[in-house]
N, C-alpha and C. Protein backbone atom coordinates (compact mmCIF):
# COMPACT_ATOMS: atom_id res chain seq x y z
N MET A 1 46.40 15.87 41.88
CA MET A 1 47.09 16.35 43.06
C MET A 1 48.22 17.30 42.67
N SER A 2 48.38 18.32 43.46
CA SER A 2 49.44 19.29 43.23
C SER A 2 50.80 18.65 43.51
N ARG A 3 51.84 19.19 42.93
CA ARG A 3 53.18 18.67 43.19
C ARG A 3 53.62 18.95 44.63
N TYR A 4 52.87 19.80 45.33
CA TYR A 4 53.20 20.13 46.71
C TYR A 4 52.34 19.36 47.73
N THR A 5 51.38 18.59 47.26
CA THR A 5 50.45 17.91 48.16
C THR A 5 51.17 17.03 49.18
N PHE A 6 52.07 16.18 48.71
CA PHE A 6 52.76 15.28 49.64
C PHE A 6 53.65 16.06 50.62
N ALA A 7 54.26 17.14 50.16
CA ALA A 7 55.08 17.96 51.05
C ALA A 7 54.21 18.61 52.13
N LEU A 8 53.03 19.07 51.76
CA LEU A 8 52.12 19.66 52.74
C LEU A 8 51.61 18.62 53.73
N LEU A 9 51.28 17.43 53.24
CA LEU A 9 50.85 16.35 54.15
C LEU A 9 51.99 15.95 55.08
N SER A 10 53.21 15.96 54.57
CA SER A 10 54.37 15.69 55.40
C SER A 10 54.50 16.74 56.50
N ALA A 11 54.28 18.00 56.13
CA ALA A 11 54.35 19.08 57.11
C ALA A 11 53.31 18.91 58.21
N VAL A 12 52.13 18.43 57.84
CA VAL A 12 51.09 18.18 58.85
C VAL A 12 51.57 17.09 59.82
N GLY A 13 52.09 15.99 59.27
CA GLY A 13 52.58 14.92 60.13
C GLY A 13 53.71 15.38 61.03
N PHE A 14 54.67 16.09 60.46
CA PHE A 14 55.80 16.58 61.24
C PHE A 14 55.41 17.72 62.17
N GLY A 15 54.27 18.36 61.90
CA GLY A 15 53.80 19.41 62.79
C GLY A 15 53.08 18.87 64.01
N VAL A 16 52.36 17.77 63.85
CA VAL A 16 51.61 17.18 64.95
C VAL A 16 52.49 16.27 65.81
N ALA A 17 53.37 15.51 65.20
CA ALA A 17 54.17 14.51 65.91
C ALA A 17 54.97 15.08 67.09
N PRO A 18 55.62 16.23 66.96
CA PRO A 18 56.40 16.74 68.10
C PRO A 18 55.55 17.06 69.32
N VAL A 19 54.33 17.54 69.09
CA VAL A 19 53.46 17.85 70.21
C VAL A 19 53.10 16.57 70.95
N LEU A 20 52.78 15.52 70.20
CA LEU A 20 52.46 14.23 70.82
C LEU A 20 53.69 13.65 71.52
N ALA A 21 54.85 13.76 70.89
CA ALA A 21 56.09 13.23 71.49
C ALA A 21 56.43 13.98 72.77
N ARG A 22 56.29 15.29 72.75
CA ARG A 22 56.59 16.09 73.94
C ARG A 22 55.64 15.70 75.08
N GLN A 23 54.37 15.49 74.76
CA GLN A 23 53.42 15.08 75.78
C GLN A 23 53.85 13.75 76.39
N GLY A 24 54.25 12.80 75.55
CA GLY A 24 54.74 11.52 76.07
C GLY A 24 55.98 11.69 76.93
N ALA A 25 56.89 12.56 76.51
CA ALA A 25 58.11 12.81 77.28
C ALA A 25 57.79 13.45 78.62
N LEU A 26 56.83 14.36 78.63
CA LEU A 26 56.44 15.01 79.89
C LEU A 26 55.81 14.02 80.86
N TRP A 27 55.21 12.98 80.34
CA TRP A 27 54.59 11.96 81.17
C TRP A 27 55.59 10.89 81.58
N GLY A 28 56.86 11.09 81.23
CA GLY A 28 57.91 10.20 81.70
C GLY A 28 58.35 9.11 80.74
N LEU A 29 57.89 9.16 79.50
CA LEU A 29 58.30 8.14 78.54
C LEU A 29 59.78 8.34 78.18
N PRO A 30 60.63 7.33 78.42
CA PRO A 30 62.05 7.46 78.06
C PRO A 30 62.21 7.65 76.55
N SER A 31 63.19 8.43 76.18
CA SER A 31 63.41 8.77 74.76
C SER A 31 63.60 7.55 73.89
N ILE A 32 64.36 6.58 74.37
CA ILE A 32 64.62 5.39 73.54
C ILE A 32 63.34 4.61 73.30
N LEU A 33 62.45 4.56 74.31
CA LEU A 33 61.17 3.88 74.11
C LEU A 33 60.27 4.66 73.17
N GLY A 34 60.27 5.98 73.28
CA GLY A 34 59.49 6.80 72.37
C GLY A 34 59.94 6.62 70.94
N THR A 35 61.24 6.59 70.74
CA THR A 35 61.80 6.37 69.41
C THR A 35 61.39 5.00 68.88
N THR A 36 61.55 3.98 69.71
CA THR A 36 61.24 2.61 69.29
C THR A 36 59.77 2.46 68.95
N TRP A 37 58.90 2.90 69.84
CA TRP A 37 57.47 2.72 69.62
C TRP A 37 56.94 3.57 68.48
N SER A 38 57.45 4.77 68.32
CA SER A 38 56.97 5.58 67.19
C SER A 38 57.37 4.94 65.87
N THR A 39 58.55 4.34 65.83
CA THR A 39 58.99 3.64 64.63
C THR A 39 58.17 2.38 64.39
N LEU A 40 57.96 1.61 65.44
CA LEU A 40 57.17 0.38 65.31
C LEU A 40 55.73 0.68 64.90
N CYS A 41 55.16 1.76 65.40
CA CYS A 41 53.79 2.13 65.04
C CYS A 41 53.70 2.54 63.57
N ALA A 42 54.79 3.01 63.02
CA ALA A 42 54.79 3.43 61.61
C ALA A 42 54.79 2.22 60.66
N LEU A 43 55.34 1.10 61.10
CA LEU A 43 55.49 -0.06 60.21
C LEU A 43 54.18 -0.57 59.61
N PRO A 44 53.12 -0.80 60.41
CA PRO A 44 51.87 -1.28 59.79
C PRO A 44 51.31 -0.29 58.77
N PHE A 45 51.41 1.01 59.07
CA PHE A 45 50.94 2.02 58.13
C PHE A 45 51.73 1.96 56.83
N LEU A 46 53.02 1.85 56.94
CA LEU A 46 53.86 1.77 55.73
C LEU A 46 53.57 0.50 54.94
N TYR A 47 53.35 -0.59 55.63
CA TYR A 47 53.01 -1.86 54.96
C TYR A 47 51.68 -1.71 54.21
N LEU A 48 50.69 -1.10 54.86
CA LEU A 48 49.40 -0.88 54.21
C LEU A 48 49.57 0.01 52.98
N PHE A 49 50.37 1.05 53.10
CA PHE A 49 50.64 1.94 51.97
C PHE A 49 51.25 1.16 50.79
N MET A 50 52.17 0.24 51.12
CA MET A 50 52.78 -0.57 50.06
C MET A 50 51.75 -1.49 49.42
N CYS A 51 50.87 -2.08 50.22
CA CYS A 51 49.86 -2.99 49.68
C CYS A 51 48.87 -2.25 48.78
N VAL A 52 48.43 -1.08 49.21
CA VAL A 52 47.50 -0.29 48.40
C VAL A 52 48.15 0.09 47.07
N GLY A 53 49.42 0.44 47.12
CA GLY A 53 50.15 0.82 45.91
C GLY A 53 50.67 -0.37 45.12
N ARG A 54 50.37 -1.56 45.59
CA ARG A 54 50.82 -2.81 44.96
C ARG A 54 52.33 -2.83 44.75
N ARG A 55 53.04 -2.40 45.78
CA ARG A 55 54.50 -2.42 45.73
C ARG A 55 55.01 -3.66 46.45
N ARG A 56 56.11 -4.16 46.02
CA ARG A 56 56.70 -5.33 46.67
C ARG A 56 58.04 -4.97 47.28
N LEU A 57 58.34 -5.64 48.37
CA LEU A 57 59.66 -5.48 48.99
C LEU A 57 60.65 -6.31 48.20
N THR A 58 61.48 -5.66 47.46
CA THR A 58 62.45 -6.37 46.62
C THR A 58 63.87 -5.96 46.97
N PHE A 59 64.08 -5.68 48.25
CA PHE A 59 65.36 -5.16 48.71
C PHE A 59 66.54 -5.99 48.21
N THR A 60 66.41 -7.31 48.25
CA THR A 60 67.53 -8.18 47.85
C THR A 60 67.82 -8.10 46.36
N LYS A 61 66.90 -7.60 45.58
CA LYS A 61 67.12 -7.48 44.13
C LYS A 61 67.72 -6.13 43.74
N TRP A 62 67.80 -5.22 44.70
CA TRP A 62 68.38 -3.91 44.41
C TRP A 62 69.89 -4.02 44.31
N PRO A 63 70.51 -3.14 43.54
CA PRO A 63 71.99 -3.11 43.52
C PRO A 63 72.53 -2.81 44.92
N ARG A 64 73.71 -3.32 45.21
CA ARG A 64 74.33 -3.13 46.53
C ARG A 64 74.43 -1.65 46.90
N ARG A 65 74.75 -0.83 45.93
CA ARG A 65 74.88 0.61 46.20
C ARG A 65 73.55 1.20 46.67
N THR A 66 72.46 0.80 46.03
CA THR A 66 71.13 1.26 46.43
C THR A 66 70.82 0.76 47.84
N GLN A 67 71.14 -0.49 48.13
CA GLN A 67 70.92 -1.04 49.46
C GLN A 67 71.69 -0.24 50.51
N ALA A 68 72.93 0.11 50.19
CA ALA A 68 73.76 0.89 51.12
C ALA A 68 73.13 2.26 51.39
N TYR A 69 72.61 2.91 50.34
CA TYR A 69 71.96 4.21 50.53
C TYR A 69 70.71 4.08 51.38
N VAL A 70 69.92 3.04 51.16
CA VAL A 70 68.70 2.83 51.94
C VAL A 70 69.06 2.57 53.40
N LEU A 71 70.05 1.73 53.65
CA LEU A 71 70.47 1.44 55.02
C LEU A 71 71.05 2.69 55.69
N GLY A 72 71.81 3.48 54.94
CA GLY A 72 72.35 4.73 55.48
C GLY A 72 71.24 5.71 55.82
N THR A 73 70.22 5.77 54.97
CA THR A 73 69.08 6.63 55.23
C THR A 73 68.38 6.20 56.51
N GLY A 74 68.18 4.90 56.67
CA GLY A 74 67.54 4.39 57.87
C GLY A 74 68.35 4.70 59.13
N LEU A 75 69.66 4.54 59.04
CA LEU A 75 70.53 4.82 60.17
C LEU A 75 70.46 6.30 60.55
N CYS A 76 70.61 7.17 59.56
CA CYS A 76 70.57 8.61 59.83
C CYS A 76 69.20 9.04 60.36
N SER A 77 68.14 8.50 59.80
CA SER A 77 66.80 8.83 60.28
C SER A 77 66.60 8.36 61.71
N SER A 78 67.07 7.17 62.02
CA SER A 78 66.94 6.65 63.39
C SER A 78 67.70 7.50 64.39
N ILE A 79 68.90 7.90 64.03
CA ILE A 79 69.69 8.78 64.90
C ILE A 79 68.96 10.11 65.08
N GLY A 80 68.44 10.66 63.99
CA GLY A 80 67.71 11.92 64.07
C GLY A 80 66.49 11.82 64.96
N VAL A 81 65.71 10.74 64.83
CA VAL A 81 64.51 10.57 65.64
C VAL A 81 64.88 10.39 67.11
N LEU A 82 65.91 9.64 67.39
CA LEU A 82 66.33 9.42 68.77
C LEU A 82 66.73 10.75 69.43
N PHE A 83 67.55 11.53 68.77
CA PHE A 83 67.97 12.80 69.35
C PHE A 83 66.82 13.81 69.40
N TYR A 84 65.88 13.68 68.50
CA TYR A 84 64.68 14.51 68.52
C TYR A 84 63.88 14.24 69.79
N TRP A 85 63.68 12.95 70.10
CA TRP A 85 62.98 12.57 71.33
C TRP A 85 63.76 13.04 72.56
N LEU A 86 65.08 12.86 72.53
CA LEU A 86 65.89 13.33 73.66
C LEU A 86 65.73 14.83 73.85
N ALA A 87 65.77 15.58 72.76
CA ALA A 87 65.62 17.03 72.84
C ALA A 87 64.23 17.40 73.38
N LEU A 88 63.18 16.72 72.90
CA LEU A 88 61.84 17.02 73.35
C LEU A 88 61.63 16.69 74.82
N SER A 89 62.42 15.77 75.35
CA SER A 89 62.29 15.44 76.77
C SER A 89 62.97 16.49 77.65
N ARG A 90 63.77 17.38 77.03
CA ARG A 90 64.52 18.36 77.80
C ARG A 90 64.15 19.82 77.51
N GLU A 91 63.42 20.06 76.44
CA GLU A 91 63.16 21.43 76.02
C GLU A 91 61.76 21.52 75.43
N SER A 92 61.24 22.73 75.30
CA SER A 92 59.88 22.93 74.77
C SER A 92 59.82 22.55 73.29
N VAL A 93 58.61 22.21 72.86
CA VAL A 93 58.38 21.83 71.47
C VAL A 93 58.80 22.96 70.53
N ALA A 94 58.42 24.19 70.85
CA ALA A 94 58.72 25.32 69.97
C ALA A 94 60.21 25.48 69.74
N VAL A 95 61.01 25.35 70.79
CA VAL A 95 62.46 25.52 70.65
C VAL A 95 63.06 24.35 69.88
N VAL A 96 62.66 23.12 70.23
CA VAL A 96 63.23 21.94 69.56
C VAL A 96 62.89 21.94 68.07
N VAL A 97 61.64 22.21 67.74
CA VAL A 97 61.25 22.22 66.33
C VAL A 97 61.96 23.34 65.59
N SER A 98 62.14 24.48 66.23
CA SER A 98 62.85 25.59 65.58
C SER A 98 64.30 25.22 65.28
N ILE A 99 64.97 24.64 66.25
CA ILE A 99 66.37 24.24 66.03
C ILE A 99 66.43 23.15 64.97
N ASN A 100 65.53 22.19 65.06
CA ASN A 100 65.50 21.10 64.08
C ASN A 100 65.26 21.62 62.67
N SER A 101 64.58 22.73 62.57
CA SER A 101 64.28 23.31 61.25
C SER A 101 65.49 23.91 60.56
N ALA A 102 66.64 23.88 61.21
CA ALA A 102 67.87 24.36 60.59
C ALA A 102 68.50 23.29 59.70
N PHE A 103 67.95 22.08 59.67
CA PHE A 103 68.56 21.01 58.89
C PHE A 103 68.68 21.29 57.40
N PRO A 104 67.87 22.17 56.80
CA PRO A 104 68.06 22.42 55.37
C PRO A 104 69.46 22.92 54.99
N LEU A 105 70.14 23.62 55.90
CA LEU A 105 71.50 24.06 55.58
C LEU A 105 72.42 22.88 55.32
N LEU A 106 72.35 21.87 56.18
CA LEU A 106 73.17 20.67 55.98
C LEU A 106 72.73 19.94 54.72
N THR A 107 71.43 19.86 54.51
CA THR A 107 70.90 19.18 53.31
C THR A 107 71.38 19.87 52.04
N ILE A 108 71.32 21.19 52.02
CA ILE A 108 71.76 21.94 50.84
C ILE A 108 73.26 21.75 50.61
N LEU A 109 74.04 21.81 51.68
CA LEU A 109 75.48 21.61 51.55
C LEU A 109 75.80 20.23 51.00
N LEU A 110 75.20 19.20 51.58
CA LEU A 110 75.47 17.83 51.11
C LEU A 110 74.93 17.61 49.70
N SER A 111 73.80 18.23 49.37
CA SER A 111 73.27 18.12 48.01
C SER A 111 74.22 18.73 47.00
N ALA A 112 74.80 19.88 47.36
CA ALA A 112 75.74 20.54 46.46
C ALA A 112 76.98 19.68 46.23
N ILE A 113 77.36 18.91 47.23
CA ILE A 113 78.56 18.07 47.11
C ILE A 113 78.25 16.73 46.46
N LEU A 114 77.22 16.06 46.94
CA LEU A 114 76.96 14.68 46.52
C LEU A 114 75.97 14.54 45.36
N LEU A 115 75.10 15.52 45.19
CA LEU A 115 74.06 15.42 44.16
C LEU A 115 74.14 16.55 43.14
N ARG A 116 75.34 17.04 42.92
CA ARG A 116 75.49 18.24 42.08
C ARG A 116 74.97 18.06 40.67
N GLN A 117 74.87 16.82 40.18
CA GLN A 117 74.35 16.62 38.83
C GLN A 117 72.83 16.52 38.81
N ASP A 118 72.23 16.25 39.96
CA ASP A 118 70.78 16.06 40.01
C ASP A 118 70.04 17.20 40.70
N GLU A 119 70.72 17.99 41.50
CA GLU A 119 70.10 19.06 42.26
C GLU A 119 70.65 20.40 41.82
N ARG A 120 69.77 21.36 41.72
CA ARG A 120 70.19 22.71 41.36
C ARG A 120 70.13 23.58 42.60
N ILE A 121 71.26 24.00 43.11
CA ILE A 121 71.33 24.84 44.29
C ILE A 121 71.44 26.29 43.81
N THR A 122 70.41 27.06 44.10
CA THR A 122 70.37 28.45 43.65
C THR A 122 70.62 29.39 44.82
N LEU A 123 70.95 30.61 44.50
CA LEU A 123 71.14 31.63 45.52
C LEU A 123 69.86 31.83 46.32
N ARG A 124 68.74 31.81 45.65
CA ARG A 124 67.44 31.96 46.31
C ARG A 124 67.22 30.85 47.34
N LEU A 125 67.59 29.63 47.00
CA LEU A 125 67.46 28.49 47.91
C LEU A 125 68.34 28.67 49.14
N VAL A 126 69.58 29.05 48.91
CA VAL A 126 70.53 29.26 50.01
C VAL A 126 70.06 30.40 50.91
N LEU A 127 69.61 31.49 50.32
CA LEU A 127 69.12 32.62 51.12
C LEU A 127 67.89 32.23 51.94
N GLY A 128 67.01 31.45 51.36
CA GLY A 128 65.84 30.97 52.09
C GLY A 128 66.24 30.13 53.29
N ALA A 129 67.20 29.24 53.09
CA ALA A 129 67.68 28.41 54.20
C ALA A 129 68.34 29.26 55.28
N LEU A 130 69.09 30.26 54.87
CA LEU A 130 69.73 31.16 55.84
C LEU A 130 68.68 31.94 56.65
N LEU A 131 67.58 32.30 56.00
CA LEU A 131 66.50 32.97 56.73
C LEU A 131 65.88 32.04 57.77
N VAL A 132 65.77 30.76 57.43
CA VAL A 132 65.27 29.78 58.40
C VAL A 132 66.19 29.74 59.62
N VAL A 133 67.48 29.69 59.37
CA VAL A 133 68.45 29.63 60.47
C VAL A 133 68.41 30.92 61.28
N ALA A 134 68.24 32.06 60.60
CA ALA A 134 68.10 33.32 61.33
C ALA A 134 66.88 33.28 62.24
N GLY A 135 65.81 32.69 61.76
CA GLY A 135 64.62 32.52 62.59
C GLY A 135 64.90 31.64 63.80
N VAL A 136 65.69 30.59 63.61
CA VAL A 136 66.07 29.71 64.72
C VAL A 136 66.84 30.51 65.77
N VAL A 137 67.77 31.32 65.32
CA VAL A 137 68.58 32.12 66.25
C VAL A 137 67.67 33.07 67.03
N ILE A 138 66.73 33.70 66.35
CA ILE A 138 65.81 34.64 67.01
C ILE A 138 64.95 33.90 68.05
N VAL A 139 64.44 32.74 67.70
CA VAL A 139 63.56 31.99 68.60
C VAL A 139 64.31 31.45 69.81
N THR A 140 65.55 31.02 69.62
CA THR A 140 66.27 30.33 70.70
C THR A 140 67.14 31.24 71.55
N THR A 141 67.28 32.52 71.20
CA THR A 141 68.12 33.40 72.02
C THR A 141 67.29 34.40 72.79
């Protein structure tokens, strides 16, 4: 498998999900229920993935700092998904996904601050992210 395979599969999932979520929102599904059910539906799949990979849930054996990062990730992801559903209930998929695609700027900024020893932030990377944001501005104005 290519080093990009999982990223491409992720793009497929993130490309299809908003269309399905918007359809649910148009049919009157409240955002909080959409968030809850989409998360709950993911759990059996994730459990199956862990079983196939013979991974065990060893959360209690992880260092406290690792646990804090995992919990923080879950909290931030949940907030992001909730506001994503709220946005999809109020605006078209194309606009919401375009605006949401500006998140790399925040990711790059936080990576430069918090992960400076593990991440290499290059001018090319920053320029690419700025082009994404320019595209967002063009699409939404």
